[in-house]
Amino acid sequence: DDDPASREILATMLRHPGLDVVVASTWSEAEAGLRPRLPDALVINLGIPGTDGVAVVRFLATQPALSSLGFVLVTAKDLTKADKRALGPSTVVLQQGSFTREELLVSIDRAVTKWPSQS
């Protein structure tokens, strides 16, 4: 997320035993963080600076080494059902500012296990 306050809120929500949280403010930072070790899931803001969250999800989903990644896309924008289908079953969409910590953690679990999104 490009907003420092939003990043801190998400990072705080994600701090939980067993979760290792790495924070990035741009796609370049996030991409560099993928190199040392592959995460189980990415929480991405739709308006990530330097690119678009949907484009990032679509690109990463085409990379064989990253095909096991789950994605949680956080957005203030209302995505259409077609947009959500295009993102695939490993992407869960959350409306920014309207989800709880528990919903975020459940969404990550759904994305990692590839449960179809009900969002």
PDB file of N, CA and C in Angstrom:
ATOM      1  N   ASP A   1       0.849  -1.180   0.000  1.00  0.00           N
ATOM      2  CA  ASP A   1       0.000   0.000   0.000  1.00  0.00           C
ATOM      3  C   ASP A   1       0.886   1.232   0.000  1.00  0.00           C
ATOM      4  N   ASP A   2       0.495   2.272  -0.727  1.00  0.00           N
ATOM      5  CA  ASP A   2       1.304   3.484  -0.787  1.00  0.00           C
ATOM      6  C   ASP A   2       1.056   4.411   0.395  1.00  0.00           C
ATOM      7  N   ASP A   3      -0.017   4.196   1.135  1.00  0.00           N
ATOM      8  CA  ASP A   3      -0.333   5.037   2.278  1.00  0.00           C
ATOM      9  C   ASP A   3       0.286   4.437   3.543  1.00  0.00           C
ATOM     10  N   PRO A   4       1.204   5.180   4.198  1.00  0.00           N
ATOM     11  CA  PRO A   4       1.873   4.623   5.380  1.00  0.00           C
ATOM     12  C   PRO A   4       0.903   4.193   6.487  1.00  0.00           C
ATOM     13  N   ALA A   5      -0.150   4.959   6.722  1.00  0.00           N
ATOM     14  CA  ALA A   5      -1.116   4.595   7.773  1.00  0.00           C
ATOM     15  C   ALA A   5      -1.836   3.299   7.419  1.00  0.00           C
ATOM     16  N   SER A   6      -2.251   3.158   6.162  1.00  0.00           N
ATOM     17  CA  SER A   6      -2.930   1.923   5.728  1.00  0.00           C
ATOM     18  C   SER A   6      -1.992   0.728   5.827  1.00  0.00           C
ATOM     19  N   ARG A   7      -0.735   0.918   5.444  1.00  0.00           N
ATOM     20  CA  ARG A   7       0.256  -0.167   5.549  1.00  0.00           C
ATOM     21  C   ARG A   7       0.394  -0.615   6.999  1.00  0.00           C
ATOM     22  N   GLU A   8       0.484   0.356   7.909  1.00  0.00           N
ATOM     23  CA  GLU A   8       0.669   0.019   9.318  1.00  0.00           C
ATOM     24  C   GLU A   8      -0.558  -0.686   9.885  1.00  0.00           C
ATOM     25  N   ILE A   9      -1.739  -0.247   9.490  1.00  0.00           N
ATOM     26  CA  ILE A   9      -2.968  -0.906   9.948  1.00  0.00           C
ATOM     27  C   ILE A   9      -2.985  -2.361   9.477  1.00  0.00           C
ATOM     28  N   LEU A  10      -2.700  -2.579   8.185  1.00  0.00           N
ATOM     29  CA  LEU A  10      -2.682  -3.950   7.662  1.00  0.00           C
ATOM     30  C   LEU A  10      -1.613  -4.788   8.346  1.00  0.00           C
ATOM     31  N   ALA A  11      -0.416  -4.220   8.521  1.00  0.00           N
ATOM     32  CA  ALA A  11       0.669  -4.964   9.164  1.00  0.00           C
ATOM     33  C   ALA A  11       0.286  -5.335  10.594  1.00  0.00           C
ATOM     34  N   THR A  12      -0.338  -4.401  11.313  1.00  0.00           N
ATOM     35  CA  THR A  12      -0.780  -4.676  12.684  1.00  0.00           C
ATOM     36  C   THR A  12      -1.843  -5.771  12.695  1.00  0.00           C
ATOM     37  N   MET A  13      -2.773  -5.712  11.747  1.00  0.00           N
ATOM     38  CA  MET A  13      -3.820  -6.730  11.665  1.00  0.00           C
ATOM     39  C   MET A  13      -3.232  -8.112  11.379  1.00  0.00           C
ATOM     40  N   LEU A  14      -2.124  -8.141  10.662  1.00  0.00           N
ATOM     41  CA  LEU A  14      -1.521  -9.411  10.261  1.00  0.00           C
ATOM     42  C   LEU A  14      -0.546  -9.980  11.278  1.00  0.00           C
ATOM     43  N   ARG A  15      -0.107  -9.161  12.218  1.00  0.00           N
ATOM     44  CA  ARG A  15       0.839  -9.666  13.206  1.00  0.00           C
ATOM     45  C   ARG A  15       0.132 -10.700  14.072  1.00  0.00           C
ATOM     46  N   HIS A  16       0.600 -11.931  13.928  1.00  0.00           N
ATOM     47  CA  HIS A  16      -0.048 -13.078  14.559  1.00  0.00           C
ATOM     48  C   HIS A  16       1.004 -14.181  14.627  1.00  0.00           C
ATOM     49  N   PRO A  17       1.012 -14.975  15.692  1.00  0.00           N
ATOM     50  CA  PRO A  17       1.983 -16.073  15.747  1.00  0.00           C
ATOM     51  C   PRO A  17       1.891 -16.946  14.490  1.00  0.00           C
ATOM     52  N   GLY A  18       3.027 -17.232  13.917  1.00  0.00           N
ATOM     53  CA  GLY A  18       3.063 -18.082  12.729  1.00  0.00           C
ATOM     54  C   GLY A  18       3.028 -17.314  11.421  1.00  0.00           C
ATOM     55  N   LEU A  19       2.774 -16.008  11.487  1.00  0.00           N
ATOM     56  CA  LEU A  19       2.769 -15.194  10.271  1.00  0.00           C
ATOM     57  C   LEU A  19       3.984 -14.280  10.260  1.00  0.00           C
ATOM     58  N   ASP A  20       4.708 -14.296   9.181  1.00  0.00           N
ATOM     59  CA  ASP A  20       5.845 -13.403   8.996  1.00  0.00           C
ATOM     60  C   ASP A  20       5.386 -12.330   8.029  1.00  0.00           C
ATOM     61  N   VAL A  21       5.330 -11.084   8.477  1.00  0.00           N
ATOM     62  CA  VAL A  21       4.795  -9.988   7.674  1.00  0.00           C
ATOM     63  C   VAL A  21       5.940  -9.145   7.130  1.00  0.00           C
ATOM     64  N   VAL A  22       5.947  -8.945   5.812  1.00  0.00           N
ATOM     65  CA  VAL A  22       6.891  -8.062   5.144  1.00  0.00           C
ATOM     66  C   VAL A  22       6.062  -6.981   4.473  1.00  0.00           C
ATOM     67  N   VAL A  23       6.428  -5.714   4.674  1.00  0.00           N
ATOM     68  CA  VAL A  23       5.648  -4.597   4.176  1.00  0.00           C
ATOM     69  C   VAL A  23       6.398  -3.903   3.047  1.00  0.00           C
ATOM     70  N   ALA A  24       5.640  -3.452   2.030  1.00  0.00           N
ATOM     71  CA  ALA A  24       6.233  -2.737   0.900  1.00  0.00           C
ATOM     72  C   ALA A  24       5.314  -1.587   0.501  1.00  0.00           C
ATOM     73  N   SER A  25       5.913  -0.481   0.068  1.00  0.00           N
ATOM     74  CA  SER A  25       5.107   0.677  -0.331  1.00  0.00           C
ATOM     75  C   SER A  25       4.956   0.793  -1.837  1.00  0.00           C
ATOM     76  N   THR A  26       5.754   0.037  -2.588  1.00  0.00           N
ATOM     77  CA  THR A  26       5.668   0.055  -4.053  1.00  0.00           C
ATOM     78  C   THR A  26       5.777  -1.374  -4.569  1.00  0.00           C
ATOM     79  N   TRP A  27       5.408  -1.571  -5.825  1.00  0.00           N
ATOM     80  CA  TRP A  27       5.540  -2.894  -6.426  1.00  0.00           C
ATOM     81  C   TRP A  27       7.007  -3.298  -6.506  1.00  0.00           C
ATOM     82  N   SER A  28       7.910  -2.353  -6.787  1.00  0.00           N
ATOM     83  CA  SER A  28       9.342  -2.674  -6.861  1.00  0.00           C
ATOM     84  C   SER A  28       9.844  -3.250  -5.539  1.00  0.00           C
ATOM     85  N   GLU A  29       9.439  -2.621  -4.425  1.00  0.00           N
ATOM     86  CA  GLU A  29       9.819  -3.129  -3.101  1.00  0.00           C
ATOM     87  C   GLU A  29       9.236  -4.516  -2.861  1.00  0.00           C
ATOM     88  N   ALA A  30       7.983  -4.689  -3.196  1.00  0.00           N
ATOM     89  CA  ALA A  30       7.322  -5.983  -2.993  1.00  0.00           C
ATOM     90  C   ALA A  30       7.979  -7.064  -3.831  1.00  0.00           C
ATOM     91  N   GLU A  31       8.260  -6.747  -5.081  1.00  0.00           N
ATOM     92  CA  GLU A  31       8.893  -7.719  -5.980  1.00  0.00           C
ATOM     93  C   GLU A  31      10.263  -8.127  -5.467  1.00  0.00           C
ATOM     94  N   ALA A  32      11.033  -7.158  -4.970  1.00  0.00           N
ATOM     95  CA  ALA A  32      12.357  -7.468  -4.415  1.00  0.00           C
ATOM     96  C   ALA A  32      12.223  -8.379  -3.203  1.00  0.00           C
ATOM     97  N   GLY A  33      11.161  -8.201  -2.419  1.00  0.00           N
ATOM     98  CA  GLY A  33      10.921  -9.040  -1.251  1.00  0.00           C
ATOM     99  C   GLY A  33      10.552 -10.468  -1.596  1.00  0.00           C
ATOM    100  N   LEU A  34      10.092 -10.698  -2.826  1.00  0.00           N
ATOM    101  CA  LEU A  34       9.739 -12.058  -3.249  1.00  0.00           C
ATOM    102  C   LEU A  34      10.978 -12.906  -3.528  1.00  0.00           C
ATOM    103  N   ARG A  35      12.075 -12.264  -3.847  1.00  0.00           N
ATOM    104  CA  ARG A  35      13.274 -13.003  -4.258  1.00  0.00           C
ATOM    105  C   ARG A  35      13.908 -13.853  -3.150  1.00  0.00           C
ATOM    106  N   PRO A  36      14.094 -13.317  -1.938  1.00  0.00           N
ATOM    107  CA  PRO A  36      14.770 -14.136  -0.922  1.00  0.00           C
ATOM    108  C   PRO A  36      13.982 -15.374  -0.510  1.00  0.00           C
ATOM    109  N   ARG A  37      12.673 -15.245  -0.441  1.00  0.00           N
ATOM    110  CA  ARG A  37      11.844 -16.400  -0.051  1.00  0.00           C
ATOM    111  C   ARG A  37      10.433 -16.174  -0.579  1.00  0.00           C
ATOM    112  N   LEU A  38       9.812 -17.216  -0.961  1.00  0.00           N
ATOM    113  CA  LEU A  38       8.475 -17.146  -1.536  1.00  0.00           C
ATOM    114  C   LEU A  38       7.420 -17.183  -0.431  1.00  0.00           C
ATOM    115  N   PRO A  39       6.563 -16.173  -0.366  1.00  0.00           N
ATOM    116  CA  PRO A  39       5.511 -16.181   0.658  1.00  0.00           C
ATOM    117  C   PRO A  39       4.373 -17.117   0.257  1.00  0.00           C
ATOM    118  N   ASP A  40       3.488 -17.387   1.187  1.00  0.00           N
ATOM    119  CA  ASP A  40       2.288 -18.172   0.897  1.00  0.00           C
ATOM    120  C   ASP A  40       1.215 -17.293   0.259  1.00  0.00           C
ATOM    121  N   ALA A  41       1.201 -16.009   0.648  1.00  0.00           N
ATOM    122  CA  ALA A  41       0.166 -15.102   0.151  1.00  0.00           C
ATOM    123  C   ALA A  41       0.691 -13.674   0.084  1.00  0.00           C
ATOM    124  N   LEU A  42       0.067 -12.904  -0.779  1.00  0.00           N
ATOM    125  CA  LEU A  42       0.344 -11.470  -0.887  1.00  0.00           C
ATOM    126  C   LEU A  42      -0.946 -10.721  -0.638  1.00  0.00           C
ATOM    127  N   VAL A  43      -0.863  -9.680   0.183  1.00  0.00           N
ATOM    128  CA  VAL A  43      -1.980  -8.761   0.373  1.00  0.00           C
ATOM    129  C   VAL A  43      -1.604  -7.525  -0.433  1.00  0.00           C
ATOM    130  N   ILE A  44      -2.401  -7.237  -1.466  1.00  0.00           N
ATOM    131  CA  ILE A  44      -2.055  -6.191  -2.432  1.00  0.00           C
ATOM    132  C   ILE A  44      -3.161  -5.154  -2.505  1.00  0.00           C
ATOM    133  N   ASN A  45      -2.774  -3.886  -2.510  1.00  0.00           N
ATOM    134  CA  ASN A  45      -3.731  -2.810  -2.726  1.00  0.00           C
ATOM    135  C   ASN A  45      -3.934  -2.682  -4.226  1.00  0.00           C
ATOM    136  N   LEU A  46      -5.173  -2.554  -4.656  1.00  0.00           N
ATOM    137  CA  LEU A  46      -5.473  -2.427  -6.084  1.00  0.00           C
ATOM    138  C   LEU A  46      -4.693  -1.283  -6.723  1.00  0.00           C
ATOM    139  N   GLY A  47      -4.521  -0.182  -5.998  1.00  0.00           N
ATOM    140  CA  GLY A  47      -3.824   0.984  -6.541  1.00  0.00           C
ATOM    141  C   GLY A  47      -2.363   1.038  -6.162  1.00  0.00           C
ATOM    142  N   ILE A  48      -1.678  -0.101  -6.153  1.00  0.00           N
ATOM    143  CA  ILE A  48      -0.268  -0.141  -5.774  1.00  0.00           C
ATOM    144  C   ILE A  48       0.549   0.772  -6.702  1.00  0.00           C
ATOM    145  N   PRO A  49       1.367   1.652  -6.132  1.00  0.00           N
ATOM    146  CA  PRO A  49       2.156   2.576  -6.960  1.00  0.00           C
ATOM    147  C   PRO A  49       3.087   1.835  -7.922  1.00  0.00           C
ATOM    148  N   GLY A  50       3.162   2.330  -9.126  1.00  0.00           N
ATOM    149  CA  GLY A  50       4.049   1.752 -10.123  1.00  0.00           C
ATOM    150  C   GLY A  50       3.384   0.702 -10.988  1.00  0.00           C
ATOM    151  N   THR A  51       2.173   0.294 -10.632  1.00  0.00           N
ATOM    152  CA  THR A  51       1.445  -0.686 -11.429  1.00  0.00           C
ATOM    153  C   THR A  51      -0.004  -0.716 -10.939  1.00  0.00           C
ATOM    154  N   ASP A  52      -0.673  -1.799 -11.225  1.00  0.00           N
ATOM    155  CA  ASP A  52      -2.067  -1.979 -10.838  1.00  0.00           C
ATOM    156  C   ASP A  52      -2.166  -3.354 -10.194  1.00  0.00           C
ATOM    157  N   GLY A  53      -2.866  -3.437  -9.069  1.00  0.00           N
ATOM    158  CA  GLY A  53      -2.957  -4.698  -8.333  1.00  0.00           C
ATOM    159  C   GLY A  53      -3.484  -5.850  -9.160  1.00  0.00           C
ATOM    160  N   VAL A  54      -4.449  -5.579 -10.025  1.00  0.00           N
ATOM    161  CA  VAL A  54      -5.000  -6.634 -10.885  1.00  0.00           C
ATOM    162  C   VAL A  54      -3.923  -7.127 -11.849  1.00  0.00           C
ATOM    163  N   ALA A  55      -3.161  -6.199 -12.418  1.00  0.00           N
ATOM    164  CA  ALA A  55      -2.083  -6.587 -13.341  1.00  0.00           C
ATOM    165  C   ALA A  55      -1.029  -7.420 -12.618  1.00  0.00           C
ATOM    166  N   VAL A  56      -0.729  -7.064 -11.379  1.00  0.00           N
ATOM    167  CA  VAL A  56       0.247  -7.824 -10.595  1.00  0.00           C
ATOM    168  C   VAL A  56      -0.252  -9.247 -10.377  1.00  0.00           C
ATOM    169  N   VAL A  57      -1.505  -9.391  -9.956  1.00  0.00           N
ATOM    170  CA  VAL A  57      -2.065 -10.733  -9.721  1.00  0.00           C
ATOM    171  C   VAL A  57      -2.046 -11.545 -11.006  1.00  0.00           C
ATOM    172  N   ARG A  58      -2.486 -10.957 -12.095  1.00  0.00           N
ATOM    173  CA  ARG A  58      -2.513 -11.682 -13.374  1.00  0.00           C
ATOM    174  C   ARG A  58      -1.115 -12.095 -13.799  1.00  0.00           C
ATOM    175  N   PHE A  59      -0.131 -11.194 -13.656  1.00  0.00           N
ATOM    176  CA  PHE A  59       1.249 -11.517 -14.024  1.00  0.00           C
ATOM    177  C   PHE A  59       1.796 -12.650 -13.156  1.00  0.00           C
ATOM    178  N   LEU A  60       1.663 -12.521 -11.839  1.00  0.00           N
ATOM    179  CA  LEU A  60       2.213 -13.527 -10.937  1.00  0.00           C
ATOM    180  C   LEU A  60       1.563 -14.891 -11.143  1.00  0.00           C
ATOM    181  N   ALA A  61       0.284 -14.898 -11.472  1.00  0.00           N
ATOM    182  CA  ALA A  61      -0.422 -16.161 -11.690  1.00  0.00           C
ATOM    183  C   ALA A  61       0.098 -16.905 -12.916  1.00  0.00           C
ATOM    184  N   THR A  62       0.762 -16.202 -13.835  1.00  0.00           N
ATOM    185  CA  THR A  62       1.303 -16.852 -15.033  1.00  0.00           C
ATOM    186  C   THR A  62       2.716 -17.394 -14.820  1.00  0.00           C
ATOM    187  N   GLN A  63       3.306 -17.104 -13.679  1.00  0.00           N
ATOM    188  CA  GLN A  63       4.675 -17.533 -13.409  1.00  0.00           C
ATOM    189  C   GLN A  63       4.666 -18.896 -12.724  1.00  0.00           C
ATOM    190  N   PRO A  64       5.192 -19.931 -13.379  1.00  0.00           N
ATOM    191  CA  PRO A  64       5.129 -21.282 -12.798  1.00  0.00           C
ATOM    192  C   PRO A  64       5.677 -21.373 -11.374  1.00  0.00           C
ATOM    193  N   ALA A  65       6.752 -20.675 -11.078  1.00  0.00           N
ATOM    194  CA  ALA A  65       7.350 -20.761  -9.735  1.00  0.00           C
ATOM    195  C   ALA A  65       6.476 -20.084  -8.683  1.00  0.00           C
ATOM    196  N   LEU A  66       5.520 -19.268  -9.115  1.00  0.00           N
ATOM    197  CA  LEU A  66       4.679 -18.523  -8.183  1.00  0.00           C
ATOM    198  C   LEU A  66       3.227 -18.985  -8.202  1.00  0.00           C
ATOM    199  N   SER A  67       2.949 -20.062  -8.893  1.00  0.00           N
ATOM    200  CA  SER A  67       1.565 -20.501  -9.072  1.00  0.00           C
ATOM    201  C   SER A  67       0.884 -20.921  -7.775  1.00  0.00           C
ATOM    202  N   SER A  68       1.661 -21.181  -6.733  1.00  0.00           N
ATOM    203  CA  SER A  68       1.056 -21.588  -5.465  1.00  0.00           C
ATOM    204  C   SER A  68       0.664 -20.396  -4.585  1.00  0.00           C
ATOM    205  N   LEU A  69       1.019 -19.188  -4.997  1.00  0.00           N
ATOM    206  CA  LEU A  69       0.700 -17.999  -4.200  1.00  0.00           C
ATOM    207  C   LEU A  69      -0.800 -17.745  -4.126  1.00  0.00           C
ATOM    208  N   GLY A  70      -1.248 -17.297  -2.962  1.00  0.00           N
ATOM    209  CA  GLY A  70      -2.606 -16.815  -2.801  1.00  0.00           C
ATOM    210  C   GLY A  70      -2.566 -15.300  -2.759  1.00  0.00           C
ATOM    211  N   PHE A  71      -3.642 -14.659  -3.171  1.00  0.00           N
ATOM    212  CA  PHE A  71      -3.684 -13.201  -3.227  1.00  0.00           C
ATOM    213  C   PHE A  71      -4.916 -12.676  -2.515  1.00  0.00           C
ATOM    214  N   VAL A  72      -4.715 -11.633  -1.715  1.00  0.00           N
ATOM    215  CA  VAL A  72      -5.818 -10.881  -1.136  1.00  0.00           C
ATOM    216  C   VAL A  72      -5.681  -9.475  -1.697  1.00  0.00           C
ATOM    217  N   LEU A  73      -6.663  -9.065  -2.468  1.00  0.00           N
ATOM    218  CA  LEU A  73      -6.656  -7.759  -3.113  1.00  0.00           C
ATOM    219  C   LEU A  73      -7.533  -6.821  -2.298  1.00  0.00           C
ATOM    220  N   VAL A  74      -6.918  -5.761  -1.771  1.00  0.00           N
ATOM    221  CA  VAL A  74      -7.636  -4.771  -0.967  1.00  0.00           C
ATOM    222  C   VAL A  74      -7.921  -3.572  -1.859  1.00  0.00           C
ATOM    223  N   THR A  75      -9.180  -3.162  -1.899  1.00  0.00           N
ATOM    224  CA  THR A  75      -9.544  -2.075  -2.791  1.00  0.00           C
ATOM    225  C   THR A  75     -10.736  -1.288  -2.259  1.00  0.00           C
ATOM    226  N   ALA A  76     -10.776  -0.015  -2.605  1.00  0.00           N
ATOM    227  CA  ALA A  76     -11.952   0.809  -2.308  1.00  0.00           C
ATOM    228  C   ALA A  76     -12.901   0.771  -3.497  1.00  0.00           C
ATOM    229  N   LYS A  77     -12.420   0.262  -4.618  1.00  0.00           N
ATOM    230  CA  LYS A  77     -13.204   0.187  -5.853  1.00  0.00           C
ATOM    231  C   LYS A  77     -14.107  -1.050  -5.830  1.00  0.00           C
ATOM    232  N   ASP A  78     -15.312  -0.910  -6.359  1.00  0.00           N
ATOM    233  CA  ASP A  78     -16.192  -2.065  -6.506  1.00  0.00           C
ATOM    234  C   ASP A  78     -15.820  -2.807  -7.783  1.00  0.00           C
ATOM    235  N   LEU A  79     -15.340  -4.045  -7.634  1.00  0.00           N
ATOM    236  CA  LEU A  79     -15.009  -4.851  -8.801  1.00  0.00           C
ATOM    237  C   LEU A  79     -16.258  -5.584  -9.273  1.00  0.00           C
ATOM    238  N   THR A  80     -16.363  -5.734 -10.579  1.00  0.00           N
ATOM    239  CA  THR A  80     -17.484  -6.488 -11.124  1.00  0.00           C
ATOM    240  C   THR A  80     -17.231  -7.978 -10.917  1.00  0.00           C
ATOM    241  N   LYS A  81     -18.276  -8.775 -11.070  1.00  0.00           N
ATOM    242  CA  LYS A  81     -18.107 -10.229 -10.982  1.00  0.00           C
ATOM    243  C   LYS A  81     -17.133 -10.711 -12.044  1.00  0.00           C
ATOM    244  N   ALA A  82     -17.164 -10.101 -13.215  1.00  0.00           N
ATOM    245  CA  ALA A  82     -16.243 -10.472 -14.294  1.00  0.00           C
ATOM    246  C   ALA A  82     -14.798 -10.176 -13.892  1.00  0.00           C
ATOM    247  N   ASP A  83     -14.567  -9.019 -13.244  1.00  0.00           N
ATOM    248  CA  ASP A  83     -13.219  -8.685 -12.761  1.00  0.00           C
ATOM    249  C   ASP A  83     -12.745  -9.738 -11.766  1.00  0.00           C
ATOM    250  N   LYS A  84     -13.630 -10.095 -10.832  1.00  0.00           N
ATOM    251  CA  LYS A  84     -13.272 -11.077  -9.810  1.00  0.00           C
ATOM    252  C   LYS A  84     -12.971 -12.438 -10.422  1.00  0.00           C
ATOM    253  N   ARG A  85     -13.780 -12.849 -11.404  1.00  0.00           N
ATOM    254  CA  ARG A  85     -13.529 -14.137 -12.081  1.00  0.00           C
ATOM    255  C   ARG A  85     -12.190 -14.106 -12.807  1.00  0.00           C
ATOM    256  N   ALA A  86     -11.871 -12.975 -13.422  1.00  0.00           N
ATOM    257  CA  ALA A  86     -10.615 -12.846 -14.167  1.00  0.00           C
ATOM    258  C   ALA A  86      -9.401 -12.965 -13.240  1.00  0.00           C
ATOM    259  N   LEU A  87      -9.589 -12.612 -11.979  1.00  0.00           N
ATOM    260  CA  LEU A  87      -8.489 -12.705 -11.025  1.00  0.00           C
ATOM    261  C   LEU A  87      -8.197 -14.140 -10.612  1.00  0.00           C
ATOM    262  N   GLY A  88      -9.170 -15.020 -10.743  1.00  0.00           N
ATOM    263  CA  GLY A  88      -8.958 -16.431 -10.459  1.00  0.00           C
ATOM    264  C   GLY A  88      -9.290 -16.824  -9.033  1.00  0.00           C
ATOM    265  N   PRO A  89      -9.313 -18.137  -8.778  1.00  0.00           N
ATOM    266  CA  PRO A  89      -9.751 -18.668  -7.487  1.00  0.00           C
ATOM    267  C   PRO A  89      -8.767 -18.414  -6.346  1.00  0.00           C
ATOM    268  N   SER A  90      -7.523 -18.059  -6.643  1.00  0.00           N
ATOM    269  CA  SER A  90      -6.562 -17.828  -5.568  1.00  0.00           C
ATOM    270  C   SER A  90      -6.552 -16.367  -5.133  1.00  0.00           C
ATOM    271  N   THR A  91      -7.534 -15.579  -5.600  1.00  0.00           N
ATOM    272  CA  THR A  91      -7.620 -14.169  -5.219  1.00  0.00           C
ATOM    273  C   THR A  91      -8.905 -13.911  -4.451  1.00  0.00           C
ATOM    274  N   VAL A  92      -8.763 -13.343  -3.275  1.00  0.00           N
ATOM    275  CA  VAL A  92      -9.897 -12.928  -2.462  1.00  0.00           C
ATOM    276  C   VAL A  92      -9.890 -11.403  -2.460  1.00  0.00           C
ATOM    277  N   VAL A  93     -11.033 -10.789  -2.687  1.00  0.00           N
ATOM    278  CA  VAL A  93     -11.143  -9.335  -2.741  1.00  0.00           C
ATOM    279  C   VAL A  93     -11.804  -8.833  -1.458  1.00  0.00           C
ATOM    280  N   LEU A  94     -11.160  -7.849  -0.827  1.00  0.00           N
ATOM    281  CA  LEU A  94     -11.706  -7.212   0.371  1.00  0.00           C
ATOM    282  C   LEU A  94     -11.894  -5.724   0.110  1.00  0.00           C
ATOM    283  N   GLN A  95     -13.002  -5.183   0.581  1.00  0.00           N
ATOM    284  CA  GLN A  95     -13.253  -3.751   0.449  1.00  0.00           C
ATOM    285  C   GLN A  95     -12.486  -3.008   1.540  1.00  0.00           C
ATOM    286  N   GLN A  96     -11.644  -2.093   1.128  1.00  0.00           N
ATOM    287  CA  GLN A  96     -10.800  -1.335   2.047  1.00  0.00           C
ATOM    288  C   GLN A  96     -11.643  -0.640   3.115  1.00  0.00           C
ATOM    289  N   GLY A  97     -11.195  -0.770   4.363  1.00  0.00           N
ATOM    290  CA  GLY A  97     -11.862  -0.101   5.464  1.00  0.00           C
ATOM    291  C   GLY A  97     -13.099  -0.794   5.995  1.00  0.00           C
ATOM    292  N   SER A  98     -13.507  -1.900   5.380  1.00  0.00           N
ATOM    293  CA  SER A  98     -14.751  -2.530   5.828  1.00  0.00           C
ATOM    294  C   SER A  98     -14.560  -3.976   6.282  1.00  0.00           C
ATOM    295  N   PHE A  99     -13.335  -4.357   6.604  1.00  0.00           N
ATOM    296  CA  PHE A  99     -13.117  -5.729   7.048  1.00  0.00           C
ATOM    297  C   PHE A  99     -12.398  -5.740   8.392  1.00  0.00           C
ATOM    298  N   THR A 100     -12.627  -6.808   9.126  1.00  0.00           N
ATOM    299  CA  THR A 100     -12.005  -6.977  10.432  1.00  0.00           C
ATOM    300  C   THR A 100     -10.707  -7.773  10.286  1.00  0.00           C
ATOM    301  N   ARG A 101      -9.959  -7.826  11.360  1.00  0.00           N
ATOM    302  CA  ARG A 101      -8.727  -8.618  11.382  1.00  0.00           C
ATOM    303  C   ARG A 101      -9.050 -10.088  11.093  1.00  0.00           C
ATOM    304  N   GLU A 102     -10.105 -10.590  11.723  1.00  0.00           N
ATOM    305  CA  GLU A 102     -10.503 -11.986  11.511  1.00  0.00           C
ATOM    306  C   GLU A 102     -10.852 -12.238  10.053  1.00  0.00           C
ATOM    307  N   GLU A 103     -11.581 -11.323   9.433  1.00  0.00           N
ATOM    308  CA  GLU A 103     -11.936 -11.474   8.015  1.00  0.00           C
ATOM    309  C   GLU A 103     -10.689 -11.455   7.136  1.00  0.00           C
ATOM    310  N   LEU A 104      -9.716 -10.623   7.495  1.00  0.00           N
ATOM    311  CA  LEU A 104      -8.463 -10.581   6.738  1.00  0.00           C
ATOM    312  C   LEU A 104      -7.723 -11.910   6.846  1.00  0.00           C
ATOM    313  N   LEU A 105      -7.615 -12.440   8.059  1.00  0.00           N
ATOM    314  CA  LEU A 105      -6.923 -13.715   8.251  1.00  0.00           C
ATOM    315  C   LEU A 105      -7.650 -14.860   7.546  1.00  0.00           C
ATOM    316  N   VAL A 106      -8.968 -14.883   7.617  1.00  0.00           N
ATOM    317  CA  VAL A 106      -9.751 -15.907   6.920  1.00  0.00           C
ATOM    318  C   VAL A 106      -9.564 -15.767   5.407  1.00  0.00           C
ATOM    319  N   SER A 107      -9.518 -14.552   4.919  1.00  0.00           N
ATOM    320  CA  SER A 107      -9.323 -14.318   3.486  1.00  0.00           C
ATOM    321  C   SER A 107      -7.965 -14.822   3.020  1.00  0.00           C
ATOM    322  N   ILE A 108      -6.953 -14.620   3.839  1.00  0.00           N
ATOM    323  CA  ILE A 108      -5.620 -15.133   3.490  1.00  0.00           C
ATOM    324  C   ILE A 108      -5.654 -16.653   3.452  1.00  0.00           C
ATOM    325  N   ASP A 109      -6.294 -17.254   4.433  1.00  0.00           N
ATOM    326  CA  ASP A 109      -6.415 -18.714   4.452  1.00  0.00           C
ATOM    327  C   ASP A 109      -7.149 -19.206   3.210  1.00  0.00           C
ATOM    328  N   ARG A 110      -8.231 -18.537   2.844  1.00  0.00           N
ATOM    329  CA  ARG A 110      -8.992 -18.916   1.639  1.00  0.00           C
ATOM    330  C   ARG A 110      -8.124 -18.783   0.392  1.00  0.00           C
ATOM    331  N   ALA A 111      -7.362 -17.705   0.311  1.00  0.00           N
ATOM    332  CA  ALA A 111      -6.518 -17.486  -0.863  1.00  0.00           C
ATOM    333  C   ALA A 111      -5.418 -18.548  -0.955  1.00  0.00           C
ATOM    334  N   VAL A 112      -4.824 -18.869   0.173  1.00  0.00           N
ATOM    335  CA  VAL A 112      -3.731 -19.852   0.185  1.00  0.00           C
ATOM    336  C   VAL A 112      -4.234 -21.237  -0.158  1.00  0.00           C
ATOM    337  N   THR A 113      -5.422 -21.597   0.321  1.00  0.00           N
ATOM    338  CA  THR A 113      -5.961 -22.924   0.045  1.00  0.00           C
ATOM    339  C   THR A 113      -6.762 -22.962  -1.250  1.00  0.00           C
ATOM    340  N   LYS A 114      -6.848 -21.837  -1.922  1.00  0.00           N
ATOM    341  CA  LYS A 114      -7.497 -21.732  -3.242  1.00  0.00           C
ATOM    342  C   LYS A 114      -8.995 -21.972  -3.181  1.00  0.00           C
ATOM    343  N   TRP A 115      -9.616 -21.639  -2.050  1.00  0.00           N
ATOM    344  CA  TRP A 115     -11.081 -21.712  -1.980  1.00  0.00           C
ATOM    345  C   TRP A 115     -11.644 -20.634  -2.867  1.00  0.00           C
ATOM    346  N   PRO A 116     -12.692 -20.912  -3.597  1.00  0.00           N
ATOM    347  CA  PRO A 116     -13.300 -19.850  -4.417  1.00  0.00           C
ATOM    348  C   PRO A 116     -13.780 -18.701  -3.535  1.00  0.00           C
ATOM    349  N   SER A 117     -13.505 -17.506  -3.983  1.00  0.00           N
ATOM    350  CA  SER A 117     -13.909 -16.316  -3.239  1.00  0.00           C
ATOM    351  C   SER A 117     -15.415 -16.133  -3.268  1.00  0.00           C
ATOM    352  N   GLN A 118     -15.991 -15.784  -2.140  1.00  0.00           N
ATOM    353  CA  GLN A 118     -17.409 -15.485  -2.063  1.00  0.00           C
ATOM    354  C   GLN A 118     -17.626 -13.982  -2.054  1.00  0.00           C
ATOM    355  N   SER A 119     -16.556 -13.189  -2.211  1.00  0.00           N
ATOM    356  CA  SER A 119     -16.653 -11.738  -2.171  1.00  0.00           C
ATOM    357  C   SER A 119     -17.245 -11.205  -3.456  1.00  0.00           C
TER     358      SER A 119
END
